[in-house]
Each structure stands twice: as C-alpha cells, then as structure tokens.
C-alpha cells in the first residue's frame, strides 16, 4: 500500500513538477514526510520553517501589514507564504501552513486546532481553513495530511 507522500511524489514525478514548502505550525513535518520517500530529490526543492513572524516577513516575503491586519493564522498570510515560498525556492508548486497546534495560543476568534493551508501553483494561489480537534501532535499530523491530500487532488486534476 502506498502512502499519501508516495502518491504525491509519484504524481510530481509523472507531471515533471517541483515542490517547495513553507511550514509554520507543522514545524517541518510535511518536509519530513516528503523526504521519507526514496528519490524525493527528483521533485522536492526544499523548505523554509517560518515559525516566527520575523522569518515569515524577512525570509518568505509576507507583508508585515498582512500579519498586523489579519494575524499570522489567516488565509491571507498563508497565501503570501505559499507565493513567497514558490518564488524563493524556485518551485512549480508550494504548500504552506500556519495554525494553532495547541495546547495554548487560541483566542475567541481563532480556536485551538485552527490551521490555514496555502497552495500556490501556475494556476493561482489558494487557501483552505481546517479545524482539528486533537492533541498538539495529532493536529500537526492532521494538518500535514490535509495539505498533502489537497496537493494530491490538485495533481490528479491536471491533465
């Protein structure tokens, strides 16, 4: 049985596309999963673990105004993360995430387990919100799987 990361790798290889990642709340977990697949160097460019707002701004290129206006955990910020990652990593596709893994950090407007995932590719940049209800580690795993699942669906949709 193949794993989600193996399926993604096979699809990237078949389509001749490269992948970059900008991870915040998952802390490198998606990169870890991708690089567990033998031959991932064929399609995987690398990642930036942009945990702090400073790194999101100075390295990835997220606008400080976007973080101030919407907060680090927002669809607006994750889209800028995905676009910035696609550019700086020179990748065809970039996945990004930001979220509140827990157990702290939640607010009344942004609950524990809220994750925003971004996907930037030639067709545009998109985002999705997810709300997971597990432990910190479960939420990170759920976010990584949601991101890879979305990427797989996108790759399958390409003709």
Protein backbone atom coordinates (compact mmCIF):
# COMPACT_ATOMS: atom_id res chain seq x y z
CA UNK A 1 0.00 0.00 0.00
CA UNK A 2 1.39 3.39 -0.88
CA UNK A 3 1.33 6.38 1.42
CA UNK A 4 -0.03 9.83 0.66
CA UNK A 5 3.52 11.21 0.39
CA UNK A 6 4.47 8.42 -2.03
CA UNK A 7 1.40 9.15 -4.14
CA UNK A 8 2.27 12.86 -4.20
CA UNK A 9 5.86 12.05 -5.15
CA UNK A 10 4.79 9.77 -7.98
CA UNK A 11 2.40 12.40 -9.33
CA UNK A 12 5.02 15.18 -9.13
CA UNK A 13 7.49 12.96 -10.97
CA UNK A 14 4.90 11.99 -13.64
CA UNK A 15 3.94 15.64 -14.19
CA UNK A 16 7.55 16.85 -14.15
CA UNK A 17 6.79 19.39 -11.41
CA UNK A 18 8.78 20.53 -8.39
CA UNK A 19 7.58 21.18 -4.85
CA UNK A 20 8.62 23.64 -2.15
CA UNK A 21 7.21 24.06 1.35
CA UNK A 22 6.82 26.89 3.83
CA UNK A 23 5.83 25.41 7.16
CA UNK A 24 4.91 27.17 10.34
CA UNK A 25 2.65 25.21 12.69
CA UNK A 26 3.66 21.83 11.28
CA UNK A 27 7.30 22.67 12.08
CA UNK A 28 8.83 20.67 9.23
CA UNK A 29 6.58 17.61 9.47
CA UNK A 30 5.46 17.85 5.82
CA UNK A 31 9.10 18.13 4.72
CA UNK A 32 9.90 15.10 6.85
CA UNK A 33 7.13 13.08 5.20
CA UNK A 34 8.12 14.16 1.67
CA UNK A 35 11.80 13.33 2.22
CA UNK A 36 10.98 9.88 3.63
CA UNK A 37 10.20 8.87 0.04
CA UNK A 38 13.25 7.49 -1.80
CA UNK A 39 14.03 9.63 -4.86
CA UNK A 40 12.25 12.71 -3.50
CA UNK A 41 15.24 14.79 -4.63
CA UNK A 42 13.82 14.41 -8.15
CA UNK A 43 10.97 16.81 -7.35
CA UNK A 44 11.48 18.30 -3.88
CA UNK A 45 13.28 21.69 -3.81
CA UNK A 46 13.32 22.30 -0.06
CA UNK A 47 11.52 24.20 2.65
CA UNK A 48 11.52 27.13 4.99
CA UNK A 49 10.25 26.55 8.51
CA UNK A 50 8.89 30.04 9.10
CA UNK A 51 7.77 29.66 12.68
CA UNK A 52 8.20 33.28 13.74
CA UNK A 53 6.54 36.27 12.12
CA UNK A 54 10.03 37.72 11.62
CA UNK A 55 11.02 34.80 9.37
CA UNK A 56 7.67 34.94 7.55
CA UNK A 57 8.39 38.60 6.75
CA UNK A 58 12.18 38.74 6.25
CA UNK A 59 12.76 35.39 4.55
CA UNK A 60 9.49 34.40 2.89
CA UNK A 61 8.23 37.88 1.99
CA UNK A 62 4.94 38.06 3.88
CA UNK A 63 3.91 41.68 4.29
CA UNK A 64 4.05 42.95 7.87
CA UNK A 65 0.77 44.79 7.21
CA UNK A 66 -0.94 41.49 6.31
CA UNK A 67 0.08 39.94 9.63
CA UNK A 68 -1.00 43.06 11.55
CA UNK A 69 -4.37 43.22 9.82
CA UNK A 70 -5.33 39.52 9.73
CA UNK A 71 -2.99 37.78 12.19
CA UNK A 72 -0.37 35.12 11.49
CA UNK A 73 -3.02 32.40 11.39
CA UNK A 74 -5.10 33.56 8.43
CA UNK A 75 -5.82 32.66 4.85
CA UNK A 76 -4.26 35.95 3.72
CA UNK A 77 -0.93 35.20 5.43
CA UNK A 78 -0.78 31.57 4.30
CA UNK A 79 -1.38 32.62 0.69
CA UNK A 80 1.53 35.08 0.91
CA UNK A 81 3.63 32.31 2.47
CA UNK A 82 2.82 29.95 -0.42
CA UNK A 83 3.53 32.61 -3.05
CA UNK A 84 6.77 33.66 -1.35
CA UNK A 85 7.91 30.06 -1.00
CA UNK A 86 7.18 29.31 -4.64
CA UNK A 87 9.34 32.30 -5.59
CA UNK A 88 12.30 31.89 -3.22
CA UNK A 89 12.52 28.11 -3.62
CA UNK A 90 12.04 28.33 -7.41
CA UNK A 91 9.41 25.58 -7.23
CA UNK A 92 6.49 24.91 -9.54
CA UNK A 93 4.20 24.35 -6.55
CA UNK A 94 4.43 25.50 -2.95
CA UNK A 95 2.42 24.30 0.02
CA UNK A 96 2.32 26.42 3.17
CA UNK A 97 0.69 26.15 6.58
CA UNK A 98 0.06 28.24 9.64
CA UNK A 99 -2.05 27.34 12.63
CA UNK A 100 -2.67 26.91 16.32
CA UNK A 101 -1.49 23.40 17.19
CA UNK A 102 -2.17 23.83 20.91
CA UNK A 103 -2.49 23.43 23.74
CA UNK A 104 -2.17 27.23 24.09
CA UNK A 105 -2.43 30.14 21.67
CA UNK A 106 -6.14 30.06 20.98
CA UNK A 107 -8.35 33.14 21.06
CA UNK A 108 -12.11 33.55 20.88
CA UNK A 109 -11.84 34.25 17.13
CA UNK A 110 -9.13 31.69 16.41
CA UNK A 111 -9.75 28.41 18.23
CA UNK A 112 -7.28 25.72 19.15
CA UNK A 113 -6.76 23.42 16.17
CA UNK A 114 -7.34 26.11 13.53
CA UNK A 115 -4.98 25.66 10.58
CA UNK A 116 -4.75 27.54 7.30
CA UNK A 117 -3.15 25.76 4.37
CA UNK A 118 -1.99 27.52 1.22
CA UNK A 119 -1.27 26.15 -2.24
CA UNK A 120 0.43 28.21 -4.93
CA UNK A 121 0.93 26.95 -8.48
CA UNK A 122 0.82 28.19 -12.08
CA UNK A 123 -2.97 28.48 -11.93
CA UNK A 124 -3.02 30.75 -8.88
CA UNK A 125 -2.80 30.78 -5.11
CA UNK A 126 -5.49 29.33 -2.88
CA UNK A 127 -6.12 28.63 0.79
CA UNK A 128 -8.27 26.44 2.96
CA UNK A 129 -9.15 26.55 6.64
CA UNK A 130 -9.30 23.43 8.77
CA UNK A 131 -10.26 22.90 12.40
CA UNK A 132 -8.73 19.85 14.03
CA UNK A 133 -9.64 18.58 17.50
CA UNK A 134 -6.72 16.51 18.69
CA UNK A 135 -3.58 16.91 20.75
CA UNK A 136 -0.78 19.15 19.52
CA UNK A 137 0.90 16.24 17.71
CA UNK A 138 -2.38 14.97 16.28
CA UNK A 139 -3.26 18.45 14.98
CA UNK A 140 0.14 18.79 13.29
CA UNK A 141 -0.26 15.35 11.70
CA UNK A 142 -3.82 16.16 10.59
CA UNK A 143 -2.66 19.43 9.01
CA UNK A 144 0.21 17.70 7.19
CA UNK A 145 -2.17 15.04 5.85
CA UNK A 146 -4.73 17.67 4.80
CA UNK A 147 -2.04 19.62 2.93
CA UNK A 148 -0.70 16.54 1.16
CA UNK A 149 -4.23 15.35 0.37
CA UNK A 150 -5.08 18.70 -1.21
CA UNK A 151 -1.84 18.64 -3.21
CA UNK A 152 -2.61 15.10 -4.40
CA UNK A 153 -6.11 16.13 -5.51
CA UNK A 154 -4.66 19.11 -7.40
CA UNK A 155 -2.04 16.96 -9.13
CA UNK A 156 -4.63 14.34 -10.10
CA UNK A 157 -6.80 17.10 -11.62
CA UNK A 158 -4.03 18.14 -14.05
CA UNK A 159 -4.42 16.69 -17.50
